[in-house]
């Protein structure tokens, strides 16, 4: 292991963070491997416990390491990457990567829409929506809570059985013959509440990624408005610019 240098102008904690990150990137430390305890890092590098802890916590906060109480600190699996390049659902994209996606249906309701949802779907006050809440899992780990609203008039016979373990996008295409054209999406950081942290198996102080998406058909109608909360320690987005 390389050592920190007090002659280096970079802060000692930052040097240690870079050393540990380099070991992970070079696969000296692999996913699931424990990193040396803070006490050992202090002895190796001649630094204080506070400095070692600061370096480790910086990597924990970036999702590169994770801590288990009473056991230690370990190298995390690489974050799942999703590209913003073409319109695909989670099931389709993760399937292309060879990853298993499971869906737990939390609720399925036909109801009156709020004013905000009506505005996003461009529907009148008398029109109802189908509201679908789902917990999405990748390789058996909870990754996202999705709430989707679909105009009931566009999918009048949609049932929970149809979508329980199926992609909404595929259902739109295969059952209803809809041609999806494009989507508009925003991403912002949020703090999860107690219920969300329980479903996603994360601490309440953790930041998550909130996605809001409107999906359009080729005739300009909005088929779906979705809010999704993704774990930021397991998920990242890649934007392709041309």
C-alpha atoms as a PDB file:
ATOM      1  CA  UNK A   1       0.000   0.000   0.000  1.00  0.00           C
ATOM      2  CA  UNK A   2       1.248   3.466  -0.905  1.00  0.00           C
ATOM      3  CA  UNK A   3       1.562   5.881   1.996  1.00  0.00           C
ATOM      4  CA  UNK A   4       0.438   9.446   2.530  1.00  0.00           C
ATOM      5  CA  UNK A   5       3.118  12.135   2.526  1.00  0.00           C
ATOM      6  CA  UNK A   6       3.153  15.172   4.789  1.00  0.00           C
ATOM      7  CA  UNK A   7       5.221  16.933   2.114  1.00  0.00           C
ATOM      8  CA  UNK A   8       2.325  16.591  -0.329  1.00  0.00           C
ATOM      9  CA  UNK A   9       0.187  19.772  -0.407  1.00  0.00           C
ATOM     10  CA  UNK A  10      -3.026  17.710  -0.581  1.00  0.00           C
ATOM     11  CA  UNK A  11      -4.814  17.095   2.752  1.00  0.00           C
ATOM     12  CA  UNK A  12      -3.822  13.816   4.414  1.00  0.00           C
ATOM     13  CA  UNK A  13      -7.377  12.462   4.442  1.00  0.00           C
ATOM     14  CA  UNK A  14      -7.694  13.176   0.717  1.00  0.00           C
ATOM     15  CA  UNK A  15      -4.417  11.383  -0.024  1.00  0.00           C
ATOM     16  CA  UNK A  16      -5.638   8.317   1.894  1.00  0.00           C
ATOM     17  CA  UNK A  17      -8.987   8.445   0.092  1.00  0.00           C
ATOM     18  CA  UNK A  18      -7.150   8.457  -3.266  1.00  0.00           C
ATOM     19  CA  UNK A  19      -4.901   5.559  -2.177  1.00  0.00           C
ATOM     20  CA  UNK A  20      -7.882   3.419  -1.160  1.00  0.00           C
ATOM     21  CA  UNK A  21      -9.790   4.331  -4.315  1.00  0.00           C
ATOM     22  CA  UNK A  22      -6.782   3.410  -6.464  1.00  0.00           C
ATOM     23  CA  UNK A  23      -6.587   0.002  -4.737  1.00  0.00           C
ATOM     24  CA  UNK A  24     -10.268  -0.561  -5.545  1.00  0.00           C
ATOM     25  CA  UNK A  25      -9.918   0.554  -9.169  1.00  0.00           C
ATOM     26  CA  UNK A  26      -6.873  -1.721  -9.608  1.00  0.00           C
ATOM     27  CA  UNK A  27      -8.846  -4.590  -7.999  1.00  0.00           C
ATOM     28  CA  UNK A  28      -6.378  -4.994  -5.152  1.00  0.00           C
ATOM     29  CA  UNK A  29      -9.554  -4.599  -3.111  1.00  0.00           C
ATOM     30  CA  UNK A  30     -12.609  -6.170  -4.771  1.00  0.00           C
ATOM     31  CA  UNK A  31     -16.364  -5.871  -4.110  1.00  0.00           C
ATOM     32  CA  UNK A  32     -17.149  -7.448  -0.745  1.00  0.00           C
ATOM     33  CA  UNK A  33     -13.554  -7.208   0.516  1.00  0.00           C
ATOM     34  CA  UNK A  34     -13.025  -5.518   3.892  1.00  0.00           C
ATOM     35  CA  UNK A  35     -10.697  -2.528   3.993  1.00  0.00           C
ATOM     36  CA  UNK A  36      -8.097  -2.290   6.776  1.00  0.00           C
ATOM     37  CA  UNK A  37      -9.580  -1.080  10.094  1.00  0.00           C
ATOM     38  CA  UNK A  38      -9.102   2.600  10.959  1.00  0.00           C
ATOM     39  CA  UNK A  39      -6.576   1.686  13.657  1.00  0.00           C
ATOM     40  CA  UNK A  40      -4.440  -0.154  11.101  1.00  0.00           C
ATOM     41  CA  UNK A  41      -4.681   2.710   8.599  1.00  0.00           C
ATOM     42  CA  UNK A  42      -3.469   5.083  11.330  1.00  0.00           C
ATOM     43  CA  UNK A  43      -0.447   2.879  12.052  1.00  0.00           C
ATOM     44  CA  UNK A  44       0.466   2.402   8.376  1.00  0.00           C
ATOM     45  CA  UNK A  45       0.215   6.081   7.459  1.00  0.00           C
ATOM     46  CA  UNK A  46       1.124   7.775  10.737  1.00  0.00           C
ATOM     47  CA  UNK A  47      -2.143   9.713  10.820  1.00  0.00           C
ATOM     48  CA  UNK A  48      -4.833  10.410  13.394  1.00  0.00           C
ATOM     49  CA  UNK A  49      -7.991   8.338  13.799  1.00  0.00           C
ATOM     50  CA  UNK A  50     -10.046  11.360  12.741  1.00  0.00           C
ATOM     51  CA  UNK A  51      -8.089  11.670   9.471  1.00  0.00           C
ATOM     52  CA  UNK A  52      -8.539   7.969   8.674  1.00  0.00           C
ATOM     53  CA  UNK A  53     -12.257   8.132   9.468  1.00  0.00           C
ATOM     54  CA  UNK A  54     -12.709  11.211   7.268  1.00  0.00           C
ATOM     55  CA  UNK A  55     -11.108   9.429   4.289  1.00  0.00           C
ATOM     56  CA  UNK A  56     -13.215   6.311   4.776  1.00  0.00           C
ATOM     57  CA  UNK A  57     -16.460   8.259   5.224  1.00  0.00           C
ATOM     58  CA  UNK A  58     -15.776  10.232   2.037  1.00  0.00           C
ATOM     59  CA  UNK A  59     -15.738   6.924   0.131  1.00  0.00           C
ATOM     60  CA  UNK A  60     -18.817   5.674   1.997  1.00  0.00           C
ATOM     61  CA  UNK A  61     -20.673   8.851   1.027  1.00  0.00           C
ATOM     62  CA  UNK A  62     -19.737   8.273  -2.627  1.00  0.00           C
ATOM     63  CA  UNK A  63     -21.096   4.713  -2.488  1.00  0.00           C
ATOM     64  CA  UNK A  64     -17.641   3.197  -3.078  1.00  0.00           C
ATOM     65  CA  UNK A  65     -17.519   1.656   0.408  1.00  0.00           C
ATOM     66  CA  UNK A  66     -20.278   0.561   2.785  1.00  0.00           C
ATOM     67  CA  UNK A  67     -20.285  -0.071   6.519  1.00  0.00           C
ATOM     68  CA  UNK A  68     -21.832  -2.914   8.516  1.00  0.00           C
ATOM     69  CA  UNK A  69     -22.203  -2.265  12.218  1.00  0.00           C
ATOM     70  CA  UNK A  70     -20.003  -4.531  14.294  1.00  0.00           C
ATOM     71  CA  UNK A  71     -18.371  -6.044  11.196  1.00  0.00           C
ATOM     72  CA  UNK A  72     -16.364  -3.336   9.431  1.00  0.00           C
ATOM     73  CA  UNK A  73     -16.164  -1.412   6.171  1.00  0.00           C
ATOM     74  CA  UNK A  74     -16.313  -3.158   2.805  1.00  0.00           C
ATOM     75  CA  UNK A  75     -15.909  -2.433  -0.897  1.00  0.00           C
ATOM     76  CA  UNK A  76     -19.299  -1.880  -2.543  1.00  0.00           C
ATOM     77  CA  UNK A  77     -20.398  -3.364  -5.848  1.00  0.00           C
ATOM     78  CA  UNK A  78     -20.069  -0.910  -8.764  1.00  0.00           C
ATOM     79  CA  UNK A  79     -23.160   1.253  -9.230  1.00  0.00           C
ATOM     80  CA  UNK A  80     -25.618   0.172 -11.899  1.00  0.00           C
ATOM     81  CA  UNK A  81     -25.309   2.552 -14.840  1.00  0.00           C
ATOM     82  CA  UNK A  82     -28.218   3.682 -16.993  1.00  0.00           C
ATOM     83  CA  UNK A  83     -27.627   5.633 -20.180  1.00  0.00           C
ATOM     84  CA  UNK A  84     -29.786   8.532 -21.282  1.00  0.00           C
ATOM     85  CA  UNK A  85     -29.626   7.858 -24.990  1.00  0.00           C
ATOM     86  CA  UNK A  86     -32.908   6.241 -26.027  1.00  0.00           C
ATOM     87  CA  UNK A  87     -36.290   5.554 -24.482  1.00  0.00           C
ATOM     88  CA  UNK A  88     -36.167   2.268 -22.574  1.00  0.00           C
ATOM     89  CA  UNK A  89     -37.765   0.948 -19.412  1.00  0.00           C
ATOM     90  CA  UNK A  90     -35.761  -0.386 -16.474  1.00  0.00           C
ATOM     91  CA  UNK A  91     -36.689  -4.005 -17.238  1.00  0.00           C
ATOM     92  CA  UNK A  92     -35.481  -3.767 -20.836  1.00  0.00           C
ATOM     93  CA  UNK A  93     -32.259  -1.917 -20.083  1.00  0.00           C
ATOM     94  CA  UNK A  94     -31.188  -4.112 -17.164  1.00  0.00           C
ATOM     95  CA  UNK A  95     -32.108  -7.211 -19.185  1.00  0.00           C
ATOM     96  CA  UNK A  96     -29.656  -6.076 -21.867  1.00  0.00           C
ATOM     97  CA  UNK A  97     -26.972  -6.010 -19.160  1.00  0.00           C
ATOM     98  CA  UNK A  98     -27.864  -9.532 -18.037  1.00  0.00           C
ATOM     99  CA  UNK A  99     -29.312  -8.320 -14.730  1.00  0.00           C
ATOM    100  CA  UNK A 100     -32.475  -9.733 -13.175  1.00  0.00           C
ATOM    101  CA  UNK A 101     -35.251  -7.227 -12.431  1.00  0.00           C
ATOM    102  CA  UNK A 102     -38.070  -8.067 -10.013  1.00  0.00           C
ATOM    103  CA  UNK A 103     -41.104  -5.917  -9.308  1.00  0.00           C
ATOM    104  CA  UNK A 104     -43.190  -5.841  -6.142  1.00  0.00           C
ATOM    105  CA  UNK A 105     -46.559  -4.205  -6.718  1.00  0.00           C
ATOM    106  CA  UNK A 106     -47.256  -1.945  -3.731  1.00  0.00           C
ATOM    107  CA  UNK A 107     -50.621  -0.592  -4.900  1.00  0.00           C
ATOM    108  CA  UNK A 108     -52.865  -0.371  -7.975  1.00  0.00           C
ATOM    109  CA  UNK A 109     -55.769   2.100  -7.985  1.00  0.00           C
ATOM    110  CA  UNK A 110     -58.182   3.726 -10.402  1.00  0.00           C
ATOM    111  CA  UNK A 111     -58.789   7.151  -8.918  1.00  0.00           C
ATOM    112  CA  UNK A 112     -59.321  10.840  -9.445  1.00  0.00           C
ATOM    113  CA  UNK A 113     -56.107  12.638 -10.321  1.00  0.00           C
ATOM    114  CA  UNK A 114     -54.671  15.604  -8.481  1.00  0.00           C
ATOM    115  CA  UNK A 115     -54.539  18.893 -10.322  1.00  0.00           C
ATOM    116  CA  UNK A 116     -50.780  18.485 -10.788  1.00  0.00           C
ATOM    117  CA  UNK A 117     -51.073  14.992 -12.285  1.00  0.00           C
ATOM    118  CA  UNK A 118     -53.898  16.114 -14.602  1.00  0.00           C
ATOM    119  CA  UNK A 119     -51.686  18.930 -15.834  1.00  0.00           C
ATOM    120  CA  UNK A 120     -48.798  16.553 -16.566  1.00  0.00           C
ATOM    121  CA  UNK A 121     -51.066  14.098 -18.396  1.00  0.00           C
ATOM    122  CA  UNK A 122     -53.003  16.877 -20.115  1.00  0.00           C
ATOM    123  CA  UNK A 123     -56.391  15.422 -19.120  1.00  0.00           C
ATOM    124  CA  UNK A 124     -59.609  17.076 -17.954  1.00  0.00           C
ATOM    125  CA  UNK A 125     -60.939  17.100 -14.395  1.00  0.00           C
ATOM    126  CA  UNK A 126     -63.551  14.420 -15.064  1.00  0.00           C
ATOM    127  CA  UNK A 127     -60.975  11.885 -16.294  1.00  0.00           C
ATOM    128  CA  UNK A 128     -59.611   9.227 -13.950  1.00  0.00           C
ATOM    129  CA  UNK A 129     -56.104   7.814 -13.787  1.00  0.00           C
ATOM    130  CA  UNK A 130     -54.544   4.477 -12.988  1.00  0.00           C
ATOM    131  CA  UNK A 131     -51.990   4.946 -10.208  1.00  0.00           C
ATOM    132  CA  UNK A 132     -49.368   2.214  -9.919  1.00  0.00           C
ATOM    133  CA  UNK A 133     -46.817   2.070  -7.089  1.00  0.00           C
ATOM    134  CA  UNK A 134     -44.014  -0.466  -7.451  1.00  0.00           C
ATOM    135  CA  UNK A 135     -40.801  -1.432  -5.693  1.00  0.00           C
ATOM    136  CA  UNK A 136     -38.158  -2.316  -8.270  1.00  0.00           C
ATOM    137  CA  UNK A 137     -35.339  -4.727  -7.411  1.00  0.00           C
ATOM    138  CA  UNK A 138     -32.191  -5.588  -9.332  1.00  0.00           C
ATOM    139  CA  UNK A 139     -30.450  -8.846  -8.448  1.00  0.00           C
ATOM    140  CA  UNK A 140     -32.758  -9.062  -5.390  1.00  0.00           C
ATOM    141  CA  UNK A 141     -31.679  -5.660  -4.027  1.00  0.00           C
ATOM    142  CA  UNK A 142     -34.259  -2.852  -3.733  1.00  0.00           C
ATOM    143  CA  UNK A 143     -33.236  -0.095  -6.135  1.00  0.00           C
ATOM    144  CA  UNK A 144     -36.242   2.195  -6.699  1.00  0.00           C
ATOM    145  CA  UNK A 145     -39.770   3.129  -5.685  1.00  0.00           C
ATOM    146  CA  UNK A 146     -41.828   4.075  -8.735  1.00  0.00           C
ATOM    147  CA  UNK A 147     -45.230   5.749  -8.854  1.00  0.00           C
ATOM    148  CA  UNK A 148     -46.768   5.950 -12.326  1.00  0.00           C
ATOM    149  CA  UNK A 149     -49.986   7.621 -13.443  1.00  0.00           C
ATOM    150  CA  UNK A 150     -51.652   6.529 -16.683  1.00  0.00           C
ATOM    151  CA  UNK A 151     -54.845   8.039 -18.181  1.00  0.00           C
ATOM    152  CA  UNK A 152     -57.554   5.445 -17.519  1.00  0.00           C
ATOM    153  CA  UNK A 153     -59.225   6.242 -20.844  1.00  0.00           C
ATOM    154  CA  UNK A 154     -56.079   5.163 -22.709  1.00  0.00           C
ATOM    155  CA  UNK A 155     -55.745   1.789 -20.933  1.00  0.00           C
ATOM    156  CA  UNK A 156     -59.280   1.084 -19.638  1.00  0.00           C
ATOM    157  CA  UNK A 157     -58.779  -2.644 -19.065  1.00  0.00           C
ATOM    158  CA  UNK A 158     -55.301  -2.455 -17.535  1.00  0.00           C
ATOM    159  CA  UNK A 159     -55.130  -4.686 -14.449  1.00  0.00           C
ATOM    160  CA  UNK A 160     -52.570  -5.260 -11.734  1.00  0.00           C
ATOM    161  CA  UNK A 161     -52.104  -8.837 -12.980  1.00  0.00           C
ATOM    162  CA  UNK A 162     -50.971  -7.505 -16.367  1.00  0.00           C
ATOM    163  CA  UNK A 163     -48.164  -5.399 -14.911  1.00  0.00           C
ATOM    164  CA  UNK A 164     -47.244  -7.224 -11.708  1.00  0.00           C
ATOM    165  CA  UNK A 165     -44.047  -8.608 -13.191  1.00  0.00           C
ATOM    166  CA  UNK A 166     -44.072  -6.935 -16.581  1.00  0.00           C
ATOM    167  CA  UNK A 167     -42.727  -3.709 -18.007  1.00  0.00           C
ATOM    168  CA  UNK A 168     -45.277  -0.903 -18.348  1.00  0.00           C
ATOM    169  CA  UNK A 169     -43.625   0.151 -21.609  1.00  0.00           C
ATOM    170  CA  UNK A 170     -43.924  -3.358 -23.032  1.00  0.00           C
ATOM    171  CA  UNK A 171     -47.571  -3.481 -21.949  1.00  0.00           C
ATOM    172  CA  UNK A 172     -48.260  -0.177 -23.709  1.00  0.00           C
ATOM    173  CA  UNK A 173     -46.682  -1.505 -26.905  1.00  0.00           C
ATOM    174  CA  UNK A 174     -47.859  -5.120 -26.948  1.00  0.00           C
ATOM    175  CA  UNK A 175     -51.374  -4.910 -25.479  1.00  0.00           C
ATOM    176  CA  UNK A 176     -52.439  -1.479 -26.702  1.00  0.00           C
ATOM    177  CA  UNK A 177     -50.274  -0.990 -29.785  1.00  0.00           C
ATOM    178  CA  UNK A 178     -49.028   2.395 -28.609  1.00  0.00           C
ATOM    179  CA  UNK A 179     -45.876   3.759 -30.229  1.00  0.00           C
ATOM    180  CA  UNK A 180     -43.684   5.518 -27.660  1.00  0.00           C
ATOM    181  CA  UNK A 181     -41.898   8.502 -29.151  1.00  0.00           C
ATOM    182  CA  UNK A 182     -39.920  10.344 -26.474  1.00  0.00           C
ATOM    183  CA  UNK A 183     -39.850  11.327 -22.814  1.00  0.00           C
ATOM    184  CA  UNK A 184     -38.951  14.407 -20.800  1.00  0.00           C
ATOM    185  CA  UNK A 185     -37.158  13.719 -17.552  1.00  0.00           C
ATOM    186  CA  UNK A 186     -35.753  15.693 -14.628  1.00  0.00           C
ATOM    187  CA  UNK A 187     -33.388  14.439 -11.918  1.00  0.00           C
ATOM    188  CA  UNK A 188     -32.793  15.981  -8.499  1.00  0.00           C
ATOM    189  CA  UNK A 189     -31.384  14.887  -5.115  1.00  0.00           C
ATOM    190  CA  UNK A 190     -33.799  14.350  -2.218  1.00  0.00           C
ATOM    191  CA  UNK A 191     -33.788  12.920   1.303  1.00  0.00           C
ATOM    192  CA  UNK A 192     -35.958   9.851   1.774  1.00  0.00           C
ATOM    193  CA  UNK A 193     -38.617   9.636   4.473  1.00  0.00           C
ATOM    194  CA  UNK A 194     -39.061   6.809   6.973  1.00  0.00           C
ATOM    195  CA  UNK A 195     -41.337   4.730   4.728  1.00  0.00           C
ATOM    196  CA  UNK A 196     -39.092   5.140   1.679  1.00  0.00           C
ATOM    197  CA  UNK A 197     -35.929   4.348   3.648  1.00  0.00           C
ATOM    198  CA  UNK A 198     -37.569   1.160   4.934  1.00  0.00           C
ATOM    199  CA  UNK A 199     -38.545  -0.005   1.429  1.00  0.00           C
ATOM    200  CA  UNK A 200     -35.151   0.854  -0.076  1.00  0.00           C
ATOM    201  CA  UNK A 201     -33.163  -0.431   2.923  1.00  0.00           C
ATOM    202  CA  UNK A 202     -31.183   2.811   3.346  1.00  0.00           C
ATOM    203  CA  UNK A 203     -30.643   5.248   6.217  1.00  0.00           C
ATOM    204  CA  UNK A 204     -32.946   8.258   6.363  1.00  0.00           C
ATOM    205  CA  UNK A 205     -30.039  10.701   6.125  1.00  0.00           C
ATOM    206  CA  UNK A 206     -28.999   9.207   2.784  1.00  0.00           C
ATOM    207  CA  UNK A 207     -29.628  11.192  -0.372  1.00  0.00           C
ATOM    208  CA  UNK A 208     -31.590   9.548  -3.169  1.00  0.00           C
ATOM    209  CA  UNK A 209     -32.275  10.523  -6.781  1.00  0.00           C
ATOM    210  CA  UNK A 210     -35.766  11.702  -7.667  1.00  0.00           C
ATOM    211  CA  UNK A 211     -36.742  11.190 -11.319  1.00  0.00           C
ATOM    212  CA  UNK A 212     -39.840  12.779 -12.841  1.00  0.00           C
ATOM    213  CA  UNK A 213     -40.684  11.592 -16.351  1.00  0.00           C
ATOM    214  CA  UNK A 214     -43.419  12.265 -18.910  1.00  0.00           C
ATOM    215  CA  UNK A 215     -43.620   9.753 -21.745  1.00  0.00           C
ATOM    216  CA  UNK A 216     -45.157  10.835 -25.057  1.00  0.00           C
ATOM    217  CA  UNK A 217     -46.705   8.853 -27.896  1.00  0.00           C
ATOM    218  CA  UNK A 218     -45.876   9.672 -31.506  1.00  0.00           C
ATOM    219  CA  UNK A 219     -49.200  11.549 -31.783  1.00  0.00           C
ATOM    220  CA  UNK A 220     -48.180  13.919 -28.970  1.00  0.00           C
ATOM    221  CA  UNK A 221     -50.357  12.469 -26.198  1.00  0.00           C
ATOM    222  CA  UNK A 222     -48.839  11.755 -22.770  1.00  0.00           C
ATOM    223  CA  UNK A 223     -49.223   8.074 -21.891  1.00  0.00           C
ATOM    224  CA  UNK A 224     -47.489   8.152 -18.514  1.00  0.00           C
ATOM    225  CA  UNK A 225     -46.249  10.482 -15.795  1.00  0.00           C
ATOM    226  CA  UNK A 226     -43.844   8.867 -13.335  1.00  0.00           C
ATOM    227  CA  UNK A 227     -42.071   9.789 -10.120  1.00  0.00           C
ATOM    228  CA  UNK A 228     -39.295   7.402  -9.125  1.00  0.00           C
ATOM    229  CA  UNK A 229     -36.938   7.453  -6.146  1.00  0.00           C
ATOM    230  CA  UNK A 230     -33.661   5.654  -6.868  1.00  0.00           C
ATOM    231  CA  UNK A 231     -30.917   4.705  -4.419  1.00  0.00           C
ATOM    232  CA  UNK A 232     -27.935   6.925  -5.163  1.00  0.00           C
ATOM    233  CA  UNK A 233     -25.517   4.389  -3.646  1.00  0.00           C
ATOM    234  CA  UNK A 234     -26.546   1.759  -6.211  1.00  0.00           C
ATOM    235  CA  UNK A 235     -27.525   3.725  -9.281  1.00  0.00           C
ATOM    236  CA  UNK A 236     -26.002   6.352 -11.553  1.00  0.00           C
ATOM    237  CA  UNK A 237     -26.906   7.946 -14.867  1.00  0.00           C
ATOM    238  CA  UNK A 238     -24.706   8.438 -17.907  1.00  0.00           C
ATOM    239  CA  UNK A 239     -25.656  11.157 -20.382  1.00  0.00           C
ATOM    240  CA  UNK A 240     -24.439  10.808 -23.967  1.00  0.00           C
ATOM    241  CA  UNK A 241     -23.857  14.173 -25.632  1.00  0.00           C
ATOM    242  CA  UNK A 242     -23.413  14.535 -29.370  1.00  0.00           C
END
